[in-house]
Amino acid sequence: MRGGKITPDEWERRRGLRLRFVYRRRGPSLLVADRARINTRGTAVASRAKTGRNQVTAPIFLLVPQVKLPKRLDLDRDAERARDSVPGLIVANWVEGRL
C-alpha cells in the first residue's frame, strides 16, 4: 500500500494505537491518537514510557464532510431523445415545391 491512501482502520492496525473522534464546531472534526509519541520522522507511534513524559495527543486525520450528488447530466438519455426527434424535424421542415 505504499503511496496510497491509508484508512483509519489501517493506521490503527499498523501503529497499535486507537484513534479518538474529536468533534469541532468550527472546521473539520478530527481523529486523534492519545498518549502518542512523535518520533524523529514526525509520525505518531505508541509511547513506551508509562510516566506520560513526551506523550501528546496528535491529530492524525481531518474528517471533511462529503456529499453524494445525483447525476444531473445523462448523455445517453439526451442522445436518444435527439436521435428520435431528427426524422420528425426533417418532415416538419420539408418543402414540396422547392428545387
PDB file of N, CA and C in Angstrom:
ATOM      1  N   MET A   1       0.832  -1.187   0.000  1.00  0.00           N
ATOM      2  CA  MET A   1       0.000   0.000   0.000  1.00  0.00           C
ATOM      3  C   MET A   1       0.875   1.249   0.000  1.00  0.00           C
ATOM      4  N   ARG A   2       2.067   1.149  -0.458  1.00  0.00           N
ATOM      5  CA  ARG A   2       2.979   2.291  -0.494  1.00  0.00           C
ATOM      6  C   ARG A   2       2.437   3.378  -1.409  1.00  0.00           C
ATOM      7  N   GLY A   3       2.416   4.598  -0.911  1.00  0.00           N
ATOM      8  CA  GLY A   3       2.000   5.733  -1.716  1.00  0.00           C
ATOM      9  C   GLY A   3       0.495   5.889  -1.842  1.00  0.00           C
ATOM     10  N   GLY A   4      -0.280   4.917  -1.371  1.00  0.00           N
ATOM     11  CA  GLY A   4      -1.731   5.006  -1.474  1.00  0.00           C
ATOM     12  C   GLY A   4      -2.327   5.688  -0.256  1.00  0.00           C
ATOM     13  N   LYS A   5      -3.630   5.890  -0.315  1.00  0.00           N
ATOM     14  CA  LYS A   5      -4.319   6.490   0.821  1.00  0.00           C
ATOM     15  C   LYS A   5      -4.516   5.428   1.897  1.00  0.00           C
ATOM     16  N   ILE A   6      -4.298   5.820   3.134  1.00  0.00           N
ATOM     17  CA  ILE A   6      -4.435   4.890   4.252  1.00  0.00           C
ATOM     18  C   ILE A   6      -5.730   5.217   4.993  1.00  0.00           C
ATOM     19  N   THR A   7      -6.429   4.191   5.408  1.00  0.00           N
ATOM     20  CA  THR A   7      -7.681   4.376   6.128  1.00  0.00           C
ATOM     21  C   THR A   7      -7.396   4.432   7.630  1.00  0.00           C
ATOM     22  N   PRO A   8      -8.328   4.971   8.415  1.00  0.00           N
ATOM     23  CA  PRO A   8      -8.129   4.980   9.869  1.00  0.00           C
ATOM     24  C   PRO A   8      -7.955   3.577  10.452  1.00  0.00           C
ATOM     25  N   ASP A   9      -8.687   2.594   9.943  1.00  0.00           N
ATOM     26  CA  ASP A   9      -8.524   1.219  10.444  1.00  0.00           C
ATOM     27  C   ASP A   9      -7.120   0.700  10.171  1.00  0.00           C
ATOM     28  N   GLU A  10      -6.621   0.964   8.976  1.00  0.00           N
ATOM     29  CA  GLU A  10      -5.272   0.519   8.620  1.00  0.00           C
ATOM     30  C   GLU A  10      -4.230   1.221   9.500  1.00  0.00           C
ATOM     31  N   TRP A  11      -4.428   2.511   9.771  1.00  0.00           N
ATOM     32  CA  TRP A  11      -3.495   3.262  10.620  1.00  0.00           C
ATOM     33  C   TRP A  11      -3.461   2.661  12.024  1.00  0.00           C
ATOM     34  N   GLU A  12      -4.651   2.384  12.581  1.00  0.00           N
ATOM     35  CA  GLU A  12      -4.718   1.787  13.924  1.00  0.00           C
ATOM     36  C   GLU A  12      -4.019   0.432  13.955  1.00  0.00           C
ATOM     37  N   ARG A  13      -4.219  -0.366  12.922  1.00  0.00           N
ATOM     38  CA  ARG A  13      -3.619  -1.697  12.878  1.00  0.00           C
ATOM     39  C   ARG A  13      -2.097  -1.611  12.800  1.00  0.00           C
ATOM     40  N   ARG A  14      -1.580  -0.686  11.992  1.00  0.00           N
ATOM     41  CA  ARG A  14      -0.127  -0.566  11.833  1.00  0.00           C
ATOM     42  C   ARG A  14       0.557   0.004  13.069  1.00  0.00           C
ATOM     43  N   ARG A  15      -0.054   1.003  13.698  1.00  0.00           N
ATOM     44  CA  ARG A  15       0.591   1.699  14.811  1.00  0.00           C
ATOM     45  C   ARG A  15       0.270   1.101  16.173  1.00  0.00           C
ATOM     46  N   GLY A  16      -0.808   0.355  16.280  1.00  0.00           N
ATOM     47  CA  GLY A  16      -1.193  -0.210  17.567  1.00  0.00           C
ATOM     48  C   GLY A  16      -1.800   0.817  18.502  1.00  0.00           C
ATOM     49  N   LEU A  17      -2.298   1.912  17.972  1.00  0.00           N
ATOM     50  CA  LEU A  17      -2.937   2.964  18.768  1.00  0.00           C
ATOM     51  C   LEU A  17      -4.383   3.118  18.334  1.00  0.00           C
ATOM     52  N   ARG A  18      -5.257   3.390  19.297  1.00  0.00           N
ATOM     53  CA  ARG A  18      -6.660   3.657  18.981  1.00  0.00           C
ATOM     54  C   ARG A  18      -6.813   5.128  18.636  1.00  0.00           C
ATOM     55  N   LEU A  19      -7.685   5.413  17.695  1.00  0.00           N
ATOM     56  CA  LEU A  19      -7.983   6.792  17.329  1.00  0.00           C
ATOM     57  C   LEU A  19      -9.264   7.222  18.030  1.00  0.00           C
ATOM     58  N   ARG A  20      -9.277   8.468  18.483  1.00  0.00           N
ATOM     59  CA  ARG A  20     -10.443   9.020  19.180  1.00  0.00           C
ATOM     60  C   ARG A  20     -11.027  10.133  18.332  1.00  0.00           C
ATOM     61  N   PHE A  21     -12.365  10.159  18.221  1.00  0.00           N
ATOM     62  CA  PHE A  21     -13.067  11.176  17.450  1.00  0.00           C
ATOM     63  C   PHE A  21     -13.201  12.444  18.280  1.00  0.00           C
ATOM     64  N   VAL A  22     -12.833  13.585  17.703  1.00  0.00           N
ATOM     65  CA  VAL A  22     -12.963  14.880  18.372  1.00  0.00           C
ATOM     66  C   VAL A  22     -13.835  15.765  17.494  1.00  0.00           C
ATOM     67  N   TYR A  23     -15.022  16.124  18.023  1.00  0.00           N
ATOM     68  CA  TYR A  23     -15.930  16.994  17.277  1.00  0.00           C
ATOM     69  C   TYR A  23     -15.510  18.441  17.471  1.00  0.00           C
ATOM     70  N   ARG A  24     -15.478  19.193  16.393  1.00  0.00           N
ATOM     71  CA  ARG A  24     -15.200  20.628  16.470  1.00  0.00           C
ATOM     72  C   ARG A  24     -16.341  21.368  15.796  1.00  0.00           C
ATOM     73  N   ARG A  25     -16.849  22.373  16.490  1.00  0.00           N
ATOM     74  CA  ARG A  25     -17.970  23.134  15.951  1.00  0.00           C
ATOM     75  C   ARG A  25     -17.557  23.894  14.695  1.00  0.00           C
ATOM     76  N   ARG A  26     -16.386  24.487  14.733  1.00  0.00           N
ATOM     77  CA  ARG A  26     -15.855  25.215  13.580  1.00  0.00           C
ATOM     78  C   ARG A  26     -14.748  24.378  12.950  1.00  0.00           C
ATOM     79  N   GLY A  27     -14.802  24.184  11.665  1.00  0.00           N
ATOM     80  CA  GLY A  27     -13.762  23.432  10.979  1.00  0.00           C
ATOM     81  C   GLY A  27     -14.025  21.939  11.005  1.00  0.00           C
ATOM     82  N   PRO A  28     -13.171  21.186  10.359  1.00  0.00           N
ATOM     83  CA  PRO A  28     -13.391  19.740  10.272  1.00  0.00           C
ATOM     84  C   PRO A  28     -13.130  19.039  11.605  1.00  0.00           C
ATOM     85  N   SER A  29     -13.856  17.965  11.850  1.00  0.00           N
ATOM     86  CA  SER A  29     -13.617  17.145  13.038  1.00  0.00           C
ATOM     87  C   SER A  29     -12.314  16.371  12.856  1.00  0.00           C
ATOM     88  N   LEU A  30     -11.835  15.788  13.953  1.00  0.00           N
ATOM     89  CA  LEU A  30     -10.527  15.134  13.925  1.00  0.00           C
ATOM     90  C   LEU A  30     -10.613  13.704  14.433  1.00  0.00           C
ATOM     91  N   LEU A  31      -9.682  12.889  13.980  1.00  0.00           N
ATOM     92  CA  LEU A  31      -9.369  11.619  14.626  1.00  0.00           C
ATOM     93  C   LEU A  31      -7.975  11.792  15.205  1.00  0.00           C
ATOM     94  N   VAL A  32      -7.861  11.671  16.532  1.00  0.00           N
ATOM     95  CA  VAL A  32      -6.583  11.919  17.196  1.00  0.00           C
ATOM     96  C   VAL A  32      -6.092  10.653  17.884  1.00  0.00           C
ATOM     97  N   ALA A  33      -4.785  10.577  18.060  1.00  0.00           N
ATOM     98  CA  ALA A  33      -4.155   9.482  18.801  1.00  0.00           C
ATOM     99  C   ALA A  33      -3.732  10.029  20.160  1.00  0.00           C
ATOM    100  N   ASP A  34      -4.300   9.473  21.229  1.00  0.00           N
ATOM    101  CA  ASP A  34      -3.945   9.887  22.589  1.00  0.00           C
ATOM    102  C   ASP A  34      -2.690   9.158  23.047  1.00  0.00           C
ATOM    103  N   ARG A  35      -1.947   9.796  23.942  1.00  0.00           N
ATOM    104  CA  ARG A  35      -0.735   9.220  24.539  1.00  0.00           C
ATOM    105  C   ARG A  35       0.227   8.698  23.476  1.00  0.00           C
ATOM    106  N   ALA A  36       0.380   9.475  22.419  1.00  0.00           N
ATOM    107  CA  ALA A  36       1.299   9.089  21.346  1.00  0.00           C
ATOM    108  C   ALA A  36       2.629   9.793  21.553  1.00  0.00           C
ATOM    109  N   ARG A  37       3.642   9.255  20.936  1.00  0.00           N
ATOM    110  CA  ARG A  37       4.964   9.863  20.949  1.00  0.00           C
ATOM    111  C   ARG A  37       5.284  10.207  19.505  1.00  0.00           C
ATOM    112  N   ILE A  38       5.765  11.420  19.265  1.00  0.00           N
ATOM    113  CA  ILE A  38       6.139  11.833  17.918  1.00  0.00           C
ATOM    114  C   ILE A  38       7.610  11.495  17.727  1.00  0.00           C
ATOM    115  N   ASN A  39       7.906  10.632  16.750  1.00  0.00           N
ATOM    116  CA  ASN A  39       9.298  10.228  16.549  1.00  0.00           C
ATOM    117  C   ASN A  39      10.034  11.257  15.691  1.00  0.00           C
ATOM    118  N   THR A  40      11.272  10.974  15.351  1.00  0.00           N
ATOM    119  CA  THR A  40      12.093  11.948  14.619  1.00  0.00           C
ATOM    120  C   THR A  40      11.579  12.188  13.209  1.00  0.00           C
ATOM    121  N   ARG A  41      10.817  11.251  12.658  1.00  0.00           N
ATOM    122  CA  ARG A  41      10.241  11.443  11.326  1.00  0.00           C
ATOM    123  C   ARG A  41       8.942  12.227  11.386  1.00  0.00           C
ATOM    124  N   GLY A  42       8.464  12.538  12.585  1.00  0.00           N
ATOM    125  CA  GLY A  42       7.245  13.320  12.734  1.00  0.00           C
ATOM    126  C   GLY A  42       5.977  12.494  12.719  1.00  0.00           C
ATOM    127  N   THR A  43       6.097  11.175  12.824  1.00  0.00           N
ATOM    128  CA  THR A  43       4.912  10.335  12.836  1.00  0.00           C
ATOM    129  C   THR A  43       4.585   9.917  14.263  1.00  0.00           C
ATOM    130  N   ALA A  44       3.302   9.718  14.530  1.00  0.00           N
ATOM    131  CA  ALA A  44       2.860   9.322  15.861  1.00  0.00           C
ATOM    132  C   ALA A  44       3.018   7.819  16.017  1.00  0.00           C
ATOM    133  N   VAL A  45       3.687   7.416  17.073  1.00  0.00           N
ATOM    134  CA  VAL A  45       3.887   5.998  17.373  1.00  0.00           C
ATOM    135  C   VAL A  45       3.508   5.767  18.827  1.00  0.00           C
ATOM    136  N   ALA A  46       3.289   4.510  19.188  1.00  0.00           N
ATOM    137  CA  ALA A  46       2.921   4.182  20.559  1.00  0.00           C
ATOM    138  C   ALA A  46       4.057   4.566  21.502  1.00  0.00           C
ATOM    139  N   SER A  47       3.687   5.161  22.635  1.00  0.00           N
ATOM    140  CA  SER A  47       4.685   5.591  23.604  1.00  0.00           C
ATOM    141  C   SER A  47       5.095   4.416  24.480  1.00  0.00           C
ATOM    142  N   ARG A  48       6.386   4.288  24.705  1.00  0.00           N
ATOM    143  CA  ARG A  48       6.882   3.217  25.564  1.00  0.00           C
ATOM    144  C   ARG A  48       6.892   3.644  27.029  1.00  0.00           C
ATOM    145  N   ALA A  49       6.928   4.944  27.280  1.00  0.00           N
ATOM    146  CA  ALA A  49       7.039   5.442  28.654  1.00  0.00           C
ATOM    147  C   ALA A  49       5.692   5.344  29.362  1.00  0.00           C
ATOM    148  N   LYS A  50       5.699   4.818  30.570  1.00  0.00           N
ATOM    149  CA  LYS A  50       4.479   4.728  31.368  1.00  0.00           C
ATOM    150  C   LYS A  50       4.257   5.999  32.186  1.00  0.00           C
ATOM    151  N   THR A  51       5.265   6.866  32.241  1.00  0.00           N
ATOM    152  CA  THR A  51       5.173   8.057  33.083  1.00  0.00           C
ATOM    153  C   THR A  51       4.361   9.167  32.438  1.00  0.00           C
ATOM    154  N   GLY A  52       4.167   9.115  31.138  1.00  0.00           N
ATOM    155  CA  GLY A  52       3.451  10.183  30.456  1.00  0.00           C
ATOM    156  C   GLY A  52       4.368  11.244  29.897  1.00  0.00           C
ATOM    157  N   ARG A  53       5.676  11.064  30.082  1.00  0.00           N
ATOM    158  CA  ARG A  53       6.621  12.044  29.566  1.00  0.00           C
ATOM    159  C   ARG A  53       6.686  11.941  28.044  1.00  0.00           C
ATOM    160  N   ASN A  54       6.735  13.081  27.369  1.00  0.00           N
ATOM    161  CA  ASN A  54       6.809  13.163  25.908  1.00  0.00           C
ATOM    162  C   ASN A  54       5.606  12.545  25.207  1.00  0.00           C
ATOM    163  N   GLN A  55       4.488  12.476  25.887  1.00  0.00           N
ATOM    164  CA  GLN A  55       3.280  11.952  25.260  1.00  0.00           C
ATOM    165  C   GLN A  55       2.382  13.114  24.877  1.00  0.00           C
ATOM    166  N   VAL A  56       1.828  13.034  23.683  1.00  0.00           N
ATOM    167  CA  VAL A  56       0.975  14.107  23.179  1.00  0.00           C
ATOM    168  C   VAL A  56      -0.302  13.500  22.606  1.00  0.00           C
ATOM    169  N   THR A  57      -1.282  14.364  22.381  1.00  0.00           N
ATOM    170  CA  THR A  57      -2.463  14.000  21.609  1.00  0.00           C
ATOM    171  C   THR A  57      -2.229  14.538  20.211  1.00  0.00           C
ATOM    172  N   ALA A  58      -2.012  13.635  19.263  1.00  0.00           N
ATOM    173  CA  ALA A  58      -1.622  14.031  17.907  1.00  0.00           C
ATOM    174  C   ALA A  58      -2.796  13.877  16.953  1.00  0.00           C
ATOM    175  N   PRO A  59      -3.148  14.939  16.218  1.00  0.00           N
ATOM    176  CA  PRO A  59      -4.191  14.798  15.192  1.00  0.00           C
ATOM    177  C   PRO A  59      -3.650  13.970  14.024  1.00  0.00           C
ATOM    178  N   ILE A  60      -4.395  12.963  13.634  1.00  0.00           N
ATOM    179  CA  ILE A  60      -3.957  12.058  12.579  1.00  0.00           C
ATOM    180  C   ILE A  60      -4.772  12.273  11.304  1.00  0.00           C
ATOM    181  N   PHE A  61      -6.090  12.359  11.426  1.00  0.00           N
ATOM    182  CA  PHE A  61      -6.966  12.530  10.265  1.00  0.00           C
ATOM    183  C   PHE A  61      -7.871  13.734  10.466  1.00  0.00           C
ATOM    184  N   LEU A  62      -8.043  14.530   9.419  1.00  0.00           N
ATOM    185  CA  LEU A  62      -9.061  15.573   9.365  1.00  0.00           C
ATOM    186  C   LEU A  62     -10.257  14.985   8.640  1.00  0.00           C
ATOM    187  N   LEU A  63     -11.431  15.057   9.237  1.00  0.00           N
ATOM    188  CA  LEU A  63     -12.627  14.474   8.629  1.00  0.00           C
ATOM    189  C   LEU A  63     -13.391  15.569   7.898  1.00  0.00           C
ATOM    190  N   VAL A  64     -13.381  15.499   6.587  1.00  0.00           N
ATOM    191  CA  VAL A  64     -14.025  16.511   5.748  1.00  0.00           C
ATOM    192  C   VAL A  64     -15.379  15.971   5.303  1.00  0.00           C
ATOM    193  N   PRO A  65     -16.472  16.730   5.513  1.00  0.00           N
ATOM    194  CA  PRO A  65     -17.788  16.249   5.095  1.00  0.00           C
ATOM    195  C   PRO A  65     -17.854  16.102   3.575  1.00  0.00           C
ATOM    196  N   GLN A  66     -18.495  15.030   3.132  1.00  0.00           N
ATOM    197  CA  GLN A  66     -18.675  14.803   1.703  1.00  0.00           C
ATOM    198  C   GLN A  66     -20.139  14.516   1.429  1.00  0.00           C
ATOM    199  N   VAL A  67     -20.564  14.872   0.233  1.00  0.00           N
ATOM    200  CA  VAL A  67     -21.951  14.677  -0.171  1.00  0.00           C
ATOM    201  C   VAL A  67     -21.962  13.960  -1.508  1.00  0.00           C
ATOM    202  N   LYS A  68     -22.857  13.009  -1.666  1.00  0.00           N
ATOM    203  CA  LYS A  68     -23.037  12.323  -2.941  1.00  0.00           C
ATOM    204  C   LYS A  68     -24.157  13.042  -3.683  1.00  0.00           C
ATOM    205  N   LEU A  69     -23.812  13.709  -4.774  1.00  0.00           N
ATOM    206  CA  LEU A  69     -24.798  14.445  -5.555  1.00  0.00           C
ATOM    207  C   LEU A  69     -25.376  13.557  -6.649  1.00  0.00           C
ATOM    208  N   PRO A  70     -26.681  13.711  -6.929  1.00  0.00           N
ATOM    209  CA  PRO A  70     -27.258  12.932  -8.022  1.00  0.00           C
ATOM    210  C   PRO A  70     -26.729  13.430  -9.363  1.00  0.00           C
ATOM    211  N   LYS A  71     -26.698  12.524 -10.327  1.00  0.00           N
ATOM    212  CA  LYS A  71     -26.220  12.909 -11.652  1.00  0.00           C
ATOM    213  C   LYS A  71     -27.216  13.869 -12.288  1.00  0.00           C
ATOM    214  N   ARG A  72     -26.712  14.968 -12.805  1.00  0.00           N
ATOM    215  CA  ARG A  72     -27.572  15.951 -13.454  1.00  0.00           C
ATOM    216  C   ARG A  72     -27.522  15.812 -14.973  1.00  0.00           C
ATOM    217  N   LEU A  73     -26.484  15.205 -15.497  1.00  0.00           N
ATOM    218  CA  LEU A  73     -26.283  15.122 -16.931  1.00  0.00           C
ATOM    219  C   LEU A  73     -26.274  13.654 -17.342  1.00  0.00           C
ATOM    220  N   ASP A  74     -27.239  13.276 -18.181  1.00  0.00           N
ATOM    221  CA  ASP A  74     -27.321  11.910 -18.691  1.00  0.00           C
ATOM    222  C   ASP A  74     -27.198  11.979 -20.205  1.00  0.00           C
ATOM    223  N   LEU A  75     -25.990  11.784 -20.718  1.00  0.00           N
ATOM    224  CA  LEU A  75     -25.745  11.933 -22.150  1.00  0.00           C
ATOM    225  C   LEU A  75     -26.450  10.866 -22.971  1.00  0.00           C
ATOM    226  N   ASP A  76     -26.554   9.662 -22.469  1.00  0.00           N
ATOM    227  CA  ASP A  76     -27.242   8.601 -23.213  1.00  0.00           C
ATOM    228  C   ASP A  76     -28.711   8.951 -23.431  1.00  0.00           C
ATOM    229  N   ARG A  77     -29.372   9.424 -22.390  1.00  0.00           N
ATOM    230  CA  ARG A  77     -30.782   9.799 -22.500  1.00  0.00           C
ATOM    231  C   ARG A  77     -30.960  10.956 -23.477  1.00  0.00           C
ATOM    232  N   ASP A  78     -30.105  11.982 -23.375  1.00  0.00           N
ATOM    233  CA  ASP A  78     -30.217  13.146 -24.255  1.00  0.00           C
ATOM    234  C   ASP A  78     -29.912  12.793 -25.707  1.00  0.00           C
ATOM    235  N   ALA A  79     -28.941  11.916 -25.945  1.00  0.00           N
ATOM    236  CA  ALA A  79     -28.623  11.496 -27.313  1.00  0.00           C
ATOM    237  C   ALA A  79     -29.782  10.702 -27.907  1.00  0.00           C
ATOM    238  N   GLU A  80     -30.412   9.869 -27.118  1.00  0.00           N
ATOM    239  CA  GLU A  80     -31.573   9.090 -27.584  1.00  0.00           C
ATOM    240  C   GLU A  80     -32.718  10.018 -27.981  1.00  0.00           C
ATOM    241  N   ARG A  81     -32.992  11.029 -27.174  1.00  0.00           N
ATOM    242  CA  ARG A  81     -34.054  11.991 -27.498  1.00  0.00           C
ATOM    243  C   ARG A  81     -33.750  12.737 -28.790  1.00  0.00           C
ATOM    244  N   ALA A  82     -32.503  13.173 -28.951  1.00  0.00           N
ATOM    245  CA  ALA A  82     -32.130  13.912 -30.161  1.00  0.00           C
ATOM    246  C   ALA A  82     -32.242  13.018 -31.389  1.00  0.00           C
ATOM    247  N   ARG A  83     -31.801  11.777 -31.285  1.00  0.00           N
ATOM    248  CA  ARG A  83     -31.867  10.858 -32.422  1.00  0.00           C
ATOM    249  C   ARG A  83     -33.315  10.553 -32.797  1.00  0.00           C
ATOM    250  N   ASP A  84     -34.189  10.424 -31.813  1.00  0.00           N
ATOM    251  CA  ASP A  84     -35.599  10.139 -32.092  1.00  0.00           C
ATOM    252  C   ASP A  84     -36.318  11.334 -32.699  1.00  0.00           C
ATOM    253  N   SER A  85     -35.856  12.549 -32.439  1.00  0.00           N
ATOM    254  CA  SER A  85     -36.558  13.733 -32.941  1.00  0.00           C
ATOM    255  C   SER A  85     -36.115  14.152 -34.337  1.00  0.00           C
ATOM    256  N   VAL A  86     -35.005  13.617 -34.850  1.00  0.00           N
ATOM    257  CA  VAL A  86     -34.485  14.039 -36.159  1.00  0.00           C
ATOM    258  C   VAL A  86     -35.461  13.755 -37.300  1.00  0.00           C
ATOM    259  N   PRO A  87     -36.048  12.555 -37.439  1.00  0.00           N
ATOM    260  CA  PRO A  87     -36.984  12.344 -38.555  1.00  0.00           C
ATOM    261  C   PRO A  87     -38.181  13.293 -38.518  1.00  0.00           C
ATOM    262  N   GLY A  88     -38.706  13.569 -37.347  1.00  0.00           N
ATOM    263  CA  GLY A  88     -39.832  14.500 -37.238  1.00  0.00           C
ATOM    264  C   GLY A  88     -39.456  15.905 -37.672  1.00  0.00           C
ATOM    265  N   LEU A  89     -38.245  16.351 -37.350  1.00  0.00           N
ATOM    266  CA  LEU A  89     -37.794  17.682 -37.763  1.00  0.00           C
ATOM    267  C   LEU A  89     -37.622  17.761 -39.275  1.00  0.00           C
ATOM    268  N   ILE A  90     -37.135  16.681 -39.877  1.00  0.00           N
ATOM    269  CA  ILE A  90     -36.969  16.672 -41.335  1.00  0.00           C
ATOM    270  C   ILE A  90     -38.328  16.779 -42.014  1.00  0.00           C
ATOM    271  N   VAL A  91     -39.296  16.001 -41.563  1.00  0.00           N
ATOM    272  CA  VAL A  91     -40.634  16.034 -42.153  1.00  0.00           C
ATOM    273  C   VAL A  91     -41.291  17.388 -41.919  1.00  0.00           C
ATOM    274  N   ALA A  92     -41.126  17.967 -40.742  1.00  0.00           N
ATOM    275  CA  ALA A  92     -41.761  19.252 -40.435  1.00  0.00           C
ATOM    276  C   ALA A  92     -41.201  20.376 -41.293  1.00  0.00           C
ATOM    277  N   ASN A  93     -39.945  20.307 -41.671  1.00  0.00           N
ATOM    278  CA  ASN A  93     -39.324  21.373 -42.461  1.00  0.00           C
ATOM    279  C   ASN A  93     -39.231  21.035 -43.951  1.00  0.00           C
ATOM    280  N   TRP A  94     -39.863  19.962 -44.367  1.00  0.00           N
ATOM    281  CA  TRP A  94     -39.832  19.538 -45.774  1.00  0.00           C
ATOM    282  C   TRP A  94     -40.712  20.473 -46.595  1.00  0.00           C
ATOM    283  N   VAL A  95     -40.179  20.962 -47.688  1.00  0.00           N
ATOM    284  CA  VAL A  95     -40.940  21.837 -48.590  1.00  0.00           C
ATOM    285  C   VAL A  95     -41.041  21.117 -49.929  1.00  0.00           C
ATOM    286  N   GLU A  96     -42.282  20.867 -50.399  1.00  0.00           N
ATOM    287  CA  GLU A  96     -42.508  20.119 -51.628  1.00  0.00           C
ATOM    288  C   GLU A  96     -42.133  20.917 -52.863  1.00  0.00           C
ATOM    289  N   GLY A  97     -42.387  22.203 -52.874  1.00  0.00           N
ATOM    290  CA  GLY A  97     -42.258  22.984 -54.100  1.00  0.00           C
ATOM    291  C   GLY A  97     -40.855  23.442 -54.431  1.00  0.00           C
ATOM    292  N   ARG A  98     -39.882  23.280 -53.537  1.00  0.00           N
ATOM    293  CA  ARG A  98     -38.524  23.791 -53.790  1.00  0.00           C
ATOM    294  C   ARG A  98     -37.700  22.827 -54.612  1.00  0.00           C
ATOM    295  N   LEU A  99     -36.829  23.387 -55.461  1.00  0.00           N
ATOM    296  CA  LEU A  99     -35.925  22.559 -56.250  1.00  0.00           C
ATOM    297  C   LEU A  99     -34.544  22.579 -55.692  1.00  0.00           C
TER     298      LEU A  99
END
